[in-house]
Amino acid sequence: MSEALGKVAKEYGGKPITAIALAYVIAKAPNVFPLIGGRKVKHLEENIQALNIRLTTEQIEYLESQKQFEVGFPGNFIGPDPKVTGKPSPLLASNAPYAFVRSATSITSPELNW
């Protein structure tokens, strides 16, 4: 994962991989406020750089392709969140017809084109 973060960091002129990792977390969901830490002022300054980074959809997909994430129970049993996908999971769809409004995206979402 560090190599993948490093590759994306090079696309941003060699930004610290911690800033890329924080930018990824911020881009994944609305109302995300990552807790950061560090032992030196330099660490804080590196982490603050994440606020100026807007990852593209391709970069997010690249980072996610590096390591398979296992959701675990009950997520792997119930299925994905319908508010994220806009569709009911197979478990819900087998019971009744449903319609969902998609949830808000993050403020750094590539879909917003800021």
Protein backbone atom coordinates (compact mmCIF):
# COMPACT_ATOMS: atom_id res chain seq x y z
CA MET A 1 0.00 0.00 0.00
CA SER A 2 2.88 2.37 0.73
CA GLU A 3 4.15 1.93 -2.83
CA ALA A 4 0.71 2.76 -4.23
CA LEU A 5 0.45 5.86 -2.04
CA GLY A 6 3.95 6.83 -3.16
CA LYS A 7 3.00 6.49 -6.81
CA VAL A 8 -0.02 8.76 -6.34
CA ALA A 9 2.13 11.18 -4.29
CA LYS A 10 4.50 11.53 -7.26
CA GLU A 11 1.53 12.66 -9.37
CA TYR A 12 1.13 15.52 -6.88
CA GLY A 13 4.74 16.61 -7.01
CA GLY A 14 6.05 14.37 -4.27
CA LYS A 15 3.57 15.20 -1.53
CA PRO A 16 3.96 13.06 1.62
CA ILE A 17 2.18 9.70 1.50
CA THR A 18 0.46 10.57 4.77
CA ALA A 19 -1.20 13.51 3.01
CA ILE A 20 -2.33 11.21 0.18
CA ALA A 21 -3.71 8.69 2.70
CA LEU A 22 -5.66 11.40 4.52
CA ALA A 23 -6.95 12.81 1.21
CA TYR A 24 -8.20 9.31 0.36
CA VAL A 25 -10.07 9.02 3.67
CA ILE A 26 -11.60 12.48 3.22
CA ALA A 27 -12.69 11.62 -0.34
CA LYS A 28 -14.45 8.40 0.63
CA ALA A 29 -17.47 9.73 2.53
CA PRO A 30 -19.28 12.89 3.58
CA ASN A 31 -18.59 14.44 6.97
CA VAL A 32 -15.27 12.67 7.52
CA PHE A 33 -12.93 14.29 9.99
CA PRO A 34 -9.79 12.15 10.26
CA LEU A 35 -7.96 12.24 13.56
CA ILE A 36 -4.34 12.98 12.88
CA GLY A 37 -1.34 12.79 15.09
CA GLY A 38 2.34 13.30 15.03
CA ARG A 39 5.32 13.94 17.20
CA LYS A 40 6.73 16.90 15.33
CA VAL A 41 5.45 20.10 13.77
CA LYS A 42 6.67 18.71 10.42
CA HIS A 43 4.17 15.84 10.73
CA LEU A 44 1.31 18.29 11.27
CA GLU A 45 2.42 20.39 8.30
CA GLU A 46 2.54 17.27 6.09
CA ASN A 47 -0.93 16.20 7.20
CA ILE A 48 -2.38 19.66 6.53
CA GLN A 49 -1.34 19.28 2.88
CA ALA A 50 -4.14 16.71 2.50
CA LEU A 51 -6.67 19.55 2.54
CA ASN A 52 -5.36 20.77 -0.84
CA ILE A 53 -5.36 17.36 -2.54
CA ARG A 54 -8.32 16.24 -4.65
CA LEU A 55 -7.89 12.64 -5.74
CA THR A 56 -9.40 11.64 -9.07
CA THR A 57 -11.75 8.69 -9.44
CA GLU A 58 -8.95 6.78 -11.17
CA GLN A 59 -6.54 7.40 -8.29
CA ILE A 60 -9.10 6.26 -5.72
CA GLU A 61 -9.81 3.11 -7.74
CA TYR A 62 -6.06 2.47 -8.08
CA LEU A 63 -5.52 2.72 -4.33
CA GLU A 64 -8.49 0.45 -3.63
CA SER A 65 -7.26 -2.13 -6.14
CA GLN A 66 -4.02 -2.65 -4.21
CA LYS A 67 -5.51 -4.59 -1.32
CA GLN A 68 -8.83 -6.39 -1.12
CA PHE A 69 -10.93 -5.12 1.79
CA GLU A 70 -12.99 -7.72 3.63
CA VAL A 71 -16.11 -6.08 5.04
CA GLY A 72 -16.90 -8.96 7.38
CA PHE A 73 -20.18 -9.93 9.00
CA PRO A 74 -22.87 -8.59 8.84
CA GLY A 75 -21.82 -6.45 5.86
CA ASN A 76 -20.92 -9.43 3.69
CA PHE A 77 -24.27 -11.03 4.53
CA ILE A 78 -26.55 -8.02 4.15
CA GLY A 79 -24.78 -6.47 1.15
CA PRO A 80 -23.73 -2.92 0.30
CA ASP A 81 -25.51 0.11 1.73
CA PRO A 82 -28.46 0.95 -0.56
CA LYS A 83 -27.95 4.66 0.13
CA VAL A 84 -24.49 4.38 -1.41
CA THR A 85 -25.37 2.20 -4.41
CA GLY A 86 -28.88 3.53 -5.03
CA LYS A 87 -30.12 -0.07 -5.31
CA PRO A 88 -31.45 -2.50 -2.71
CA SER A 89 -29.25 -5.40 -1.71
CA PRO A 90 -30.37 -8.86 -2.82
CA LEU A 91 -31.55 -9.56 0.74
CA LEU A 92 -33.83 -6.51 0.77
CA ALA A 93 -34.96 -6.94 -2.84
CA SER A 94 -36.19 -10.45 -2.10
CA ASN A 95 -38.72 -9.10 0.42
CA ALA A 96 -40.38 -6.12 -1.26
CA PRO A 97 -39.78 -3.42 -3.86
CA TYR A 98 -37.60 -0.59 -2.55
CA ALA A 99 -36.40 2.77 -3.83
CA PHE A 100 -33.52 4.69 -2.31
CA VAL A 101 -32.16 8.18 -2.55
CA ARG A 102 -28.38 8.17 -2.75
CA SER A 103 -26.55 9.66 0.21
CA ALA A 104 -24.48 12.79 -0.03
CA THR A 105 -20.94 12.45 -1.34
CA SER A 106 -17.81 13.85 0.23
CA ILE A 107 -16.92 17.48 -0.33
CA THR A 108 -13.84 16.36 -2.25
CA SER A 109 -15.71 13.87 -4.41
CA PRO A 110 -14.44 13.80 -8.02
CA GLU A 111 -18.10 13.86 -9.07
CA LEU A 112 -18.39 17.46 -7.85
CA ASN A 113 -15.60 18.77 -10.12
CA TRP A 114 -14.38 21.43 -7.69
